[in-house]
Amino acid sequence: RSNHTPNTNVPPEVTVLPNKPVEL
């Protein structure tokens, strides 16, 4: 019905963080 219209690609936002305060 949509004449094979593809999904709109929305790029992700990425964050990296530790689960708890870091101790060596």
mmCIF file of all heavy atoms, coordinates in Angstrom:
data_MODEL
# 
_entry.id   MODEL 
# 
loop_
_atom_site.group_PDB 
_atom_site.id 
_atom_site.type_symbol 
_atom_site.label_atom_id 
_atom_site.label_alt_id 
_atom_site.label_comp_id 
_atom_site.label_asym_id 
_atom_site.label_entity_id 
_atom_site.label_seq_id 
_atom_site.pdbx_PDB_ins_code 
_atom_site.Cartn_x 
_atom_site.Cartn_y 
_atom_site.Cartn_z 
_atom_site.occupancy 
_atom_site.B_iso_or_equiv 
_atom_site.pdbx_formal_charge 
_atom_site.auth_seq_id 
_atom_site.auth_comp_id 
_atom_site.auth_asym_id 
_atom_site.auth_atom_id 
_atom_site.pdbx_PDB_model_num 
ATOM 1   N N   . ARG A 1 1  ? 0.818  -1.217 0.000  1.00 0.00 ? 1  ARG A N   1 
ATOM 2   C CA  . ARG A 1 1  ? 0.000  0.000  0.000  1.00 0.00 ? 1  ARG A CA  1 
ATOM 3   C C   . ARG A 1 1  ? 0.849  1.264  0.000  1.00 0.00 ? 1  ARG A C   1 
ATOM 4   O O   . ARG A 1 1  ? 0.417  2.309  -0.477 1.00 0.00 ? 1  ARG A O   1 
ATOM 5   C CB  . ARG A 1 1  ? -0.927 -0.005 1.215  1.00 0.00 ? 1  ARG A CB  1 
ATOM 6   C CG  . ARG A 1 1  ? -2.057 -1.035 1.112  1.00 0.00 ? 1  ARG A CG  1 
ATOM 7   C CD  . ARG A 1 1  ? -2.969 -0.964 2.316  1.00 0.00 ? 1  ARG A CD  1 
ATOM 8   N NE  . ARG A 1 1  ? -4.093 -1.900 2.188  1.00 0.00 ? 1  ARG A NE  1 
ATOM 9   C CZ  . ARG A 1 1  ? -5.047 -2.063 3.113  1.00 0.00 ? 1  ARG A CZ  1 
ATOM 10  N NH1 . ARG A 1 1  ? -5.005 -1.348 4.234  1.00 0.00 ? 1  ARG A NH1 1 
ATOM 11  N NH2 . ARG A 1 1  ? -6.020 -2.926 2.907  1.00 0.00 ? 1  ARG A NH2 1 
ATOM 12  N N   . SER A 1 2  ? 2.066  1.177  0.557  1.00 0.00 ? 2  SER A N   1 
ATOM 13  C CA  . SER A 1 2  ? 2.952  2.346  0.600  1.00 0.00 ? 2  SER A CA  1 
ATOM 14  C C   . SER A 1 2  ? 3.897  2.399  -0.589 1.00 0.00 ? 2  SER A C   1 
ATOM 15  O O   . SER A 1 2  ? 4.817  3.221  -0.607 1.00 0.00 ? 2  SER A O   1 
ATOM 16  C CB  . SER A 1 2  ? 3.771  2.323  1.894  1.00 0.00 ? 2  SER A CB  1 
ATOM 17  O OG  . SER A 1 2  ? 4.671  1.213  1.893  1.00 0.00 ? 2  SER A OG  1 
ATOM 18  N N   . ASN A 1 3  ? 3.656  1.525  -1.570 1.00 0.00 ? 3  ASN A N   1 
ATOM 19  C CA  . ASN A 1 3  ? 4.498  1.485  -2.767 1.00 0.00 ? 3  ASN A CA  1 
ATOM 20  C C   . ASN A 1 3  ? 5.956  1.227  -2.390 1.00 0.00 ? 3  ASN A C   1 
ATOM 21  O O   . ASN A 1 3  ? 6.872  1.849  -2.924 1.00 0.00 ? 3  ASN A O   1 
ATOM 22  C CB  . ASN A 1 3  ? 4.376  2.786  -3.571 1.00 0.00 ? 3  ASN A CB  1 
ATOM 23  C CG  . ASN A 1 3  ? 4.908  2.638  -4.987 1.00 0.00 ? 3  ASN A CG  1 
ATOM 24  O OD1 . ASN A 1 3  ? 4.954  1.531  -5.532 1.00 0.00 ? 3  ASN A OD1 1 
ATOM 25  N ND2 . ASN A 1 3  ? 5.325  3.753  -5.584 1.00 0.00 ? 3  ASN A ND2 1 
ATOM 26  N N   . HIS A 1 4  ? 6.143  0.312  -1.431 1.00 0.00 ? 4  HIS A N   1 
ATOM 27  C CA  . HIS A 1 4  ? 7.482  -0.128 -1.000 1.00 0.00 ? 4  HIS A CA  1 
ATOM 28  C C   . HIS A 1 4  ? 8.322  1.031  -0.439 1.00 0.00 ? 4  HIS A C   1 
ATOM 29  O O   . HIS A 1 4  ? 9.541  1.078  -0.636 1.00 0.00 ? 4  HIS A O   1 
ATOM 30  C CB  . HIS A 1 4  ? 8.225  -0.814 -2.142 1.00 0.00 ? 4  HIS A CB  1 
ATOM 31  C CG  . HIS A 1 4  ? 7.572  -2.094 -2.580 1.00 0.00 ? 4  HIS A CG  1 
ATOM 32  N ND1 . HIS A 1 4  ? 7.992  -3.319 -2.153 1.00 0.00 ? 4  HIS A ND1 1 
ATOM 33  C CD2 . HIS A 1 4  ? 6.503  -2.321 -3.398 1.00 0.00 ? 4  HIS A CD2 1 
ATOM 34  C CE1 . HIS A 1 4  ? 7.228  -4.269 -2.681 1.00 0.00 ? 4  HIS A CE1 1 
ATOM 35  N NE2 . HIS A 1 4  ? 6.304  -3.687 -3.450 1.00 0.00 ? 4  HIS A NE2 1 
ATOM 36  N N   . THR A 1 5  ? 7.665  1.964  0.254  1.00 0.00 ? 5  THR A N   1 
ATOM 37  C CA  . THR A 1 5  ? 8.389  3.065  0.890  1.00 0.00 ? 5  THR A CA  1 
ATOM 38  C C   . THR A 1 5  ? 9.183  2.533  2.077  1.00 0.00 ? 5  THR A C   1 
ATOM 39  O O   . THR A 1 5  ? 8.617  1.907  2.981  1.00 0.00 ? 5  THR A O   1 
ATOM 40  C CB  . THR A 1 5  ? 7.411  4.141  1.380  1.00 0.00 ? 5  THR A CB  1 
ATOM 41  O OG1 . THR A 1 5  ? 6.648  4.607  0.275  1.00 0.00 ? 5  THR A OG1 1 
ATOM 42  C CG2 . THR A 1 5  ? 8.172  5.313  2.011  1.00 0.00 ? 5  THR A CG2 1 
ATOM 43  N N   . PRO A 1 6  ? 10.495 2.760  2.094  1.00 0.00 ? 6  PRO A N   1 
ATOM 44  C CA  . PRO A 1 6  ? 11.320 2.208  3.187  1.00 0.00 ? 6  PRO A CA  1 
ATOM 45  C C   . PRO A 1 6  ? 11.126 2.976  4.491  1.00 0.00 ? 6  PRO A C   1 
ATOM 46  O O   . PRO A 1 6  ? 10.630 4.104  4.521  1.00 0.00 ? 6  PRO A O   1 
ATOM 47  C CB  . PRO A 1 6  ? 12.750 2.370  2.665  1.00 0.00 ? 6  PRO A CB  1 
ATOM 48  C CG  . PRO A 1 6  ? 12.675 3.545  1.745  1.00 0.00 ? 6  PRO A CG  1 
ATOM 49  C CD  . PRO A 1 6  ? 11.319 3.476  1.096  1.00 0.00 ? 6  PRO A CD  1 
ATOM 50  N N   . ASN A 1 7  ? 11.526 2.330  5.566  1.00 0.00 ? 7  ASN A N   1 
ATOM 51  C CA  . ASN A 1 7  ? 11.503 2.966  6.877  1.00 0.00 ? 7  ASN A CA  1 
ATOM 52  C C   . ASN A 1 7  ? 12.523 4.096  6.930  1.00 0.00 ? 7  ASN A C   1 
ATOM 53  O O   . ASN A 1 7  ? 13.583 4.047  6.307  1.00 0.00 ? 7  ASN A O   1 
ATOM 54  C CB  . ASN A 1 7  ? 11.853 1.915  7.948  1.00 0.00 ? 7  ASN A CB  1 
ATOM 55  C CG  . ASN A 1 7  ? 11.811 2.488  9.349  1.00 0.00 ? 7  ASN A CG  1 
ATOM 56  O OD1 . ASN A 1 7  ? 10.753 2.706  9.897  1.00 0.00 ? 7  ASN A OD1 1 
ATOM 57  N ND2 . ASN A 1 7  ? 12.993 2.711  9.935  1.00 0.00 ? 7  ASN A ND2 1 
ATOM 58  N N   . THR A 1 8  ? 12.190 5.166  7.672  1.00 0.00 ? 8  THR A N   1 
ATOM 59  C CA  . THR A 1 8  ? 13.134 6.280  7.846  1.00 0.00 ? 8  THR A CA  1 
ATOM 60  C C   . THR A 1 8  ? 14.222 5.870  8.834  1.00 0.00 ? 8  THR A C   1 
ATOM 61  O O   . THR A 1 8  ? 13.928 5.402  9.942  1.00 0.00 ? 8  THR A O   1 
ATOM 62  C CB  . THR A 1 8  ? 12.408 7.524  8.379  1.00 0.00 ? 8  THR A CB  1 
ATOM 63  O OG1 . THR A 1 8  ? 11.388 7.900  7.452  1.00 0.00 ? 8  THR A OG1 1 
ATOM 64  C CG2 . THR A 1 8  ? 13.381 8.685  8.554  1.00 0.00 ? 8  THR A CG2 1 
ATOM 65  N N   . ASN A 1 9  ? 15.469 6.043  8.441  1.00 0.00 ? 9  ASN A N   1 
ATOM 66  C CA  . ASN A 1 9  ? 16.591 5.685  9.309  1.00 0.00 ? 9  ASN A CA  1 
ATOM 67  C C   . ASN A 1 9  ? 16.906 6.829  10.269 1.00 0.00 ? 9  ASN A C   1 
ATOM 68  O O   . ASN A 1 9  ? 17.210 7.949  9.837  1.00 0.00 ? 9  ASN A O   1 
ATOM 69  C CB  . ASN A 1 9  ? 17.832 5.360  8.478  1.00 0.00 ? 9  ASN A CB  1 
ATOM 70  C CG  . ASN A 1 9  ? 17.647 4.119  7.639  1.00 0.00 ? 9  ASN A CG  1 
ATOM 71  O OD1 . ASN A 1 9  ? 16.959 3.179  8.041  1.00 0.00 ? 9  ASN A OD1 1 
ATOM 72  N ND2 . ASN A 1 9  ? 18.257 4.092  6.465  1.00 0.00 ? 9  ASN A ND2 1 
ATOM 73  N N   . VAL A 1 10 ? 16.819 6.573  11.552 1.00 0.00 ? 10 VAL A N   1 
ATOM 74  C CA  . VAL A 1 10 ? 17.157 7.557  12.582 1.00 0.00 ? 10 VAL A CA  1 
ATOM 75  C C   . VAL A 1 10 ? 18.410 7.074  13.295 1.00 0.00 ? 10 VAL A C   1 
ATOM 76  O O   . VAL A 1 10 ? 18.390 6.020  13.946 1.00 0.00 ? 10 VAL A O   1 
ATOM 77  C CB  . VAL A 1 10 ? 16.006 7.731  13.592 1.00 0.00 ? 10 VAL A CB  1 
ATOM 78  C CG1 . VAL A 1 10 ? 16.374 8.777  14.639 1.00 0.00 ? 10 VAL A CG1 1 
ATOM 79  C CG2 . VAL A 1 10 ? 14.715 8.113  12.872 1.00 0.00 ? 10 VAL A CG2 1 
ATOM 80  N N   . PRO A 1 11 ? 19.538 7.801  13.179 1.00 0.00 ? 11 PRO A N   1 
ATOM 81  C CA  . PRO A 1 11 ? 20.793 7.330  13.779 1.00 0.00 ? 11 PRO A CA  1 
ATOM 82  C C   . PRO A 1 11 ? 20.740 7.365  15.305 1.00 0.00 ? 11 PRO A C   1 
ATOM 83  O O   . PRO A 1 11 ? 20.035 8.201  15.891 1.00 0.00 ? 11 PRO A O   1 
ATOM 84  C CB  . PRO A 1 11 ? 21.835 8.320  13.240 1.00 0.00 ? 11 PRO A CB  1 
ATOM 85  C CG  . PRO A 1 11 ? 21.053 9.563  12.942 1.00 0.00 ? 11 PRO A CG  1 
ATOM 86  C CD  . PRO A 1 11 ? 19.706 9.102  12.490 1.00 0.00 ? 11 PRO A CD  1 
ATOM 87  N N   . PRO A 1 12 ? 21.480 6.481  15.946 1.00 0.00 ? 12 PRO A N   1 
ATOM 88  C CA  . PRO A 1 12 ? 21.431 6.397  17.413 1.00 0.00 ? 12 PRO A CA  1 
ATOM 89  C C   . PRO A 1 12 ? 22.312 7.429  18.101 1.00 0.00 ? 12 PRO A C   1 
ATOM 90  O O   . PRO A 1 12 ? 23.259 7.964  17.519 1.00 0.00 ? 12 PRO A O   1 
ATOM 91  C CB  . PRO A 1 12 ? 21.965 4.989  17.676 1.00 0.00 ? 12 PRO A CB  1 
ATOM 92  C CG  . PRO A 1 12 ? 22.933 4.750  16.553 1.00 0.00 ? 12 PRO A CG  1 
ATOM 93  C CD  . PRO A 1 12 ? 22.329 5.426  15.360 1.00 0.00 ? 12 PRO A CD  1 
ATOM 94  N N   . GLU A 1 13 ? 21.955 7.699  19.356 1.00 0.00 ? 13 GLU A N   1 
ATOM 95  C CA  . GLU A 1 13 ? 22.831 8.426  20.272 1.00 0.00 ? 13 GLU A CA  1 
ATOM 96  C C   . GLU A 1 13 ? 23.483 7.384  21.181 1.00 0.00 ? 13 GLU A C   1 
ATOM 97  O O   . GLU A 1 13 ? 22.797 6.498  21.694 1.00 0.00 ? 13 GLU A O   1 
ATOM 98  C CB  . GLU A 1 13 ? 22.039 9.433  21.098 1.00 0.00 ? 13 GLU A CB  1 
ATOM 99  C CG  . GLU A 1 13 ? 21.375 10.524 20.270 1.00 0.00 ? 13 GLU A CG  1 
ATOM 100 C CD  . GLU A 1 13 ? 20.560 11.486 21.127 1.00 0.00 ? 13 GLU A CD  1 
ATOM 101 O OE1 . GLU A 1 13 ? 20.569 11.329 22.376 1.00 0.00 ? 13 GLU A OE1 1 
ATOM 102 O OE2 . GLU A 1 13 ? 19.903 12.374 20.554 1.00 0.00 ? 13 GLU A OE2 1 
ATOM 103 N N   . VAL A 1 14 ? 24.789 7.482  21.387 1.00 0.00 ? 14 VAL A N   1 
ATOM 104 C CA  . VAL A 1 14 ? 25.517 6.447  22.127 1.00 0.00 ? 14 VAL A CA  1 
ATOM 105 C C   . VAL A 1 14 ? 26.251 7.060  23.317 1.00 0.00 ? 14 VAL A C   1 
ATOM 106 O O   . VAL A 1 14 ? 26.914 8.098  23.187 1.00 0.00 ? 14 VAL A O   1 
ATOM 107 C CB  . VAL A 1 14 ? 26.523 5.712  21.211 1.00 0.00 ? 14 VAL A CB  1 
ATOM 108 C CG1 . VAL A 1 14 ? 27.239 4.605  21.995 1.00 0.00 ? 14 VAL A CG1 1 
ATOM 109 C CG2 . VAL A 1 14 ? 25.815 5.126  19.995 1.00 0.00 ? 14 VAL A CG2 1 
ATOM 110 N N   . THR A 1 15 ? 26.123 6.409  24.462 1.00 0.00 ? 15 THR A N   1 
ATOM 111 C CA  . THR A 1 15 ? 26.805 6.847  25.678 1.00 0.00 ? 15 THR A CA  1 
ATOM 112 C C   . THR A 1 15 ? 27.466 5.642  26.330 1.00 0.00 ? 15 THR A C   1 
ATOM 113 O O   . THR A 1 15 ? 26.859 4.568  26.409 1.00 0.00 ? 15 THR A O   1 
ATOM 114 C CB  . THR A 1 15 ? 25.822 7.480  26.675 1.00 0.00 ? 15 THR A CB  1 
ATOM 115 O OG1 . THR A 1 15 ? 25.118 8.547  26.036 1.00 0.00 ? 15 THR A OG1 1 
ATOM 116 C CG2 . THR A 1 15 ? 26.545 8.021  27.896 1.00 0.00 ? 15 THR A CG2 1 
ATOM 117 N N   . VAL A 1 16 ? 28.701 5.811  26.796 1.00 0.00 ? 16 VAL A N   1 
ATOM 118 C CA  . VAL A 1 16 ? 29.401 4.740  27.519 1.00 0.00 ? 16 VAL A CA  1 
ATOM 119 C C   . VAL A 1 16 ? 29.700 5.232  28.933 1.00 0.00 ? 16 VAL A C   1 
ATOM 120 O O   . VAL A 1 16 ? 30.243 6.326  29.119 1.00 0.00 ? 16 VAL A O   1 
ATOM 121 C CB  . VAL A 1 16 ? 30.713 4.338  26.814 1.00 0.00 ? 16 VAL A CB  1 
ATOM 122 C CG1 . VAL A 1 16 ? 31.477 3.320  27.648 1.00 0.00 ? 16 VAL A CG1 1 
ATOM 123 C CG2 . VAL A 1 16 ? 30.417 3.764  25.438 1.00 0.00 ? 16 VAL A CG2 1 
ATOM 124 N N   . LEU A 1 17 ? 29.344 4.428  29.911 1.00 0.00 ? 17 LEU A N   1 
ATOM 125 C CA  . LEU A 1 17 ? 29.561 4.807  31.304 1.00 0.00 ? 17 LEU A CA  1 
ATOM 126 C C   . LEU A 1 17 ? 29.721 3.552  32.162 1.00 0.00 ? 17 LEU A C   1 
ATOM 127 O O   . LEU A 1 17 ? 29.238 2.482  31.793 1.00 0.00 ? 17 LEU A O   1 
ATOM 128 C CB  . LEU A 1 17 ? 28.401 5.645  31.827 1.00 0.00 ? 17 LEU A CB  1 
ATOM 129 C CG  . LEU A 1 17 ? 27.032 4.963  31.987 1.00 0.00 ? 17 LEU A CG  1 
ATOM 130 C CD1 . LEU A 1 17 ? 26.159 5.788  32.921 1.00 0.00 ? 17 LEU A CD1 1 
ATOM 131 C CD2 . LEU A 1 17 ? 26.328 4.805  30.646 1.00 0.00 ? 17 LEU A CD2 1 
ATOM 132 N N   . PRO A 1 18 ? 30.400 3.670  33.312 1.00 0.00 ? 18 PRO A N   1 
ATOM 133 C CA  . PRO A 1 18 ? 30.550 2.516  34.202 1.00 0.00 ? 18 PRO A CA  1 
ATOM 134 C C   . PRO A 1 18 ? 29.304 2.320  35.036 1.00 0.00 ? 18 PRO A C   1 
ATOM 135 O O   . PRO A 1 18 ? 28.538 3.256  35.289 1.00 0.00 ? 18 PRO A O   1 
ATOM 136 C CB  . PRO A 1 18 ? 31.754 2.901  35.062 1.00 0.00 ? 18 PRO A CB  1 
ATOM 137 C CG  . PRO A 1 18 ? 31.726 4.402  35.088 1.00 0.00 ? 18 PRO A CG  1 
ATOM 138 C CD  . PRO A 1 18 ? 31.186 4.833  33.755 1.00 0.00 ? 18 PRO A CD  1 
ATOM 139 N N   . ASN A 1 19 ? 29.111 1.099  35.507 1.00 0.00 ? 19 ASN A N   1 
ATOM 140 C CA  . ASN A 1 19 ? 27.937 0.774  36.302 1.00 0.00 ? 19 ASN A CA  1 
ATOM 141 C C   . ASN A 1 19 ? 28.002 1.388  37.700 1.00 0.00 ? 19 ASN A C   1 
ATOM 142 O O   . ASN A 1 19 ? 26.970 1.693  38.293 1.00 0.00 ? 19 ASN A O   1 
ATOM 143 C CB  . ASN A 1 19 ? 27.805 -0.751 36.419 1.00 0.00 ? 19 ASN A CB  1 
ATOM 144 C CG  . ASN A 1 19 ? 26.571 -1.175 37.168 1.00 0.00 ? 19 ASN A CG  1 
ATOM 145 O OD1 . ASN A 1 19 ? 25.464 -0.751 36.859 1.00 0.00 ? 19 ASN A OD1 1 
ATOM 146 N ND2 . ASN A 1 19 ? 26.750 -2.009 38.195 1.00 0.00 ? 19 ASN A ND2 1 
ATOM 147 N N   . LYS A 1 20 ? 29.220 1.590  38.213 1.00 0.00 ? 20 LYS A N   1 
ATOM 148 C CA  . LYS A 1 20 ? 29.406 2.166  39.542 1.00 0.00 ? 20 LYS A CA  1 
ATOM 149 C C   . LYS A 1 20 ? 30.710 2.948  39.550 1.00 0.00 ? 20 LYS A C   1 
ATOM 150 O O   . LYS A 1 20 ? 31.503 2.851  38.611 1.00 0.00 ? 20 LYS A O   1 
ATOM 151 C CB  . LYS A 1 20 ? 29.426 1.063  40.604 1.00 0.00 ? 20 LYS A CB  1 
ATOM 152 C CG  . LYS A 1 20 ? 30.537 0.042  40.419 1.00 0.00 ? 20 LYS A CG  1 
ATOM 153 C CD  . LYS A 1 20 ? 30.446 -1.073 41.449 1.00 0.00 ? 20 LYS A CD  1 
ATOM 154 C CE  . LYS A 1 20 ? 31.566 -2.109 41.247 1.00 0.00 ? 20 LYS A CE  1 
ATOM 155 N NZ  . LYS A 1 20 ? 31.476 -3.210 42.236 1.00 0.00 ? 20 LYS A NZ  1 
ATOM 156 N N   . PRO A 1 21 ? 30.966 3.770  40.578 1.00 0.00 ? 21 PRO A N   1 
ATOM 157 C CA  . PRO A 1 21 ? 32.230 4.520  40.634 1.00 0.00 ? 21 PRO A CA  1 
ATOM 158 C C   . PRO A 1 21 ? 33.430 3.596  40.441 1.00 0.00 ? 21 PRO A C   1 
ATOM 159 O O   . PRO A 1 21 ? 33.492 2.505  40.999 1.00 0.00 ? 21 PRO A O   1 
ATOM 160 C CB  . PRO A 1 21 ? 32.202 5.133  42.040 1.00 0.00 ? 21 PRO A CB  1 
ATOM 161 C CG  . PRO A 1 21 ? 30.746 5.266  42.352 1.00 0.00 ? 21 PRO A CG  1 
ATOM 162 C CD  . PRO A 1 21 ? 30.083 4.088  41.714 1.00 0.00 ? 21 PRO A CD  1 
ATOM 163 N N   . VAL A 1 22 ? 34.373 4.067  39.634 1.00 0.00 ? 22 VAL A N   1 
ATOM 164 C CA  . VAL A 1 22 ? 35.494 3.211  39.226 1.00 0.00 ? 22 VAL A CA  1 
ATOM 165 C C   . VAL A 1 22 ? 36.635 3.283  40.235 1.00 0.00 ? 22 VAL A C   1 
ATOM 166 O O   . VAL A 1 22 ? 37.082 4.372  40.621 1.00 0.00 ? 22 VAL A O   1 
ATOM 167 C CB  . VAL A 1 22 ? 36.011 3.628  37.833 1.00 0.00 ? 22 VAL A CB  1 
ATOM 168 C CG1 . VAL A 1 22 ? 37.219 2.776  37.435 1.00 0.00 ? 22 VAL A CG1 1 
ATOM 169 C CG2 . VAL A 1 22 ? 34.897 3.484  36.799 1.00 0.00 ? 22 VAL A CG2 1 
ATOM 170 N N   . GLU A 1 23 ? 37.090 2.099  40.665 1.00 0.00 ? 23 GLU A N   1 
ATOM 171 C CA  . GLU A 1 23 ? 38.276 1.959  41.506 1.00 0.00 ? 23 GLU A CA  1 
ATOM 172 C C   . GLU A 1 23 ? 39.221 0.987  40.819 1.00 0.00 ? 23 GLU A C   1 
ATOM 173 O O   . GLU A 1 23 ? 38.797 -0.078 40.362 1.00 0.00 ? 23 GLU A O   1 
ATOM 174 C CB  . GLU A 1 23 ? 37.903 1.443  42.898 1.00 0.00 ? 23 GLU A CB  1 
ATOM 175 C CG  . GLU A 1 23 ? 36.972 2.354  43.690 1.00 0.00 ? 23 GLU A CG  1 
ATOM 176 C CD  . GLU A 1 23 ? 37.640 3.642  44.132 1.00 0.00 ? 23 GLU A CD  1 
ATOM 177 O OE1 . GLU A 1 23 ? 38.895 3.678  44.114 1.00 0.00 ? 23 GLU A OE1 1 
ATOM 178 O OE2 . GLU A 1 23 ? 36.919 4.586  44.485 1.00 0.00 ? 23 GLU A OE2 1 
ATOM 179 N N   . LEU A 1 24 ? 40.486 1.357  40.713 1.00 0.00 ? 24 LEU A N   1 
ATOM 180 C CA  . LEU A 1 24 ? 41.463 0.483  40.056 1.00 0.00 ? 24 LEU A CA  1 
ATOM 181 C C   . LEU A 1 24 ? 41.503 -0.887 40.725 1.00 0.00 ? 24 LEU A C   1 
ATOM 182 O O   . LEU A 1 24 ? 41.547 -0.999 41.949 1.00 0.00 ? 24 LEU A O   1 
ATOM 183 C CB  . LEU A 1 24 ? 42.848 1.131  40.095 1.00 0.00 ? 24 LEU A CB  1 
ATOM 184 C CG  . LEU A 1 24 ? 43.054 2.364  39.209 1.00 0.00 ? 24 LEU A CG  1 
ATOM 185 C CD1 . LEU A 1 24 ? 44.445 2.950  39.419 1.00 0.00 ? 24 LEU A CD1 1 
ATOM 186 C CD2 . LEU A 1 24 ? 42.856 2.020  37.736 1.00 0.00 ? 24 LEU A CD2 1 
# 
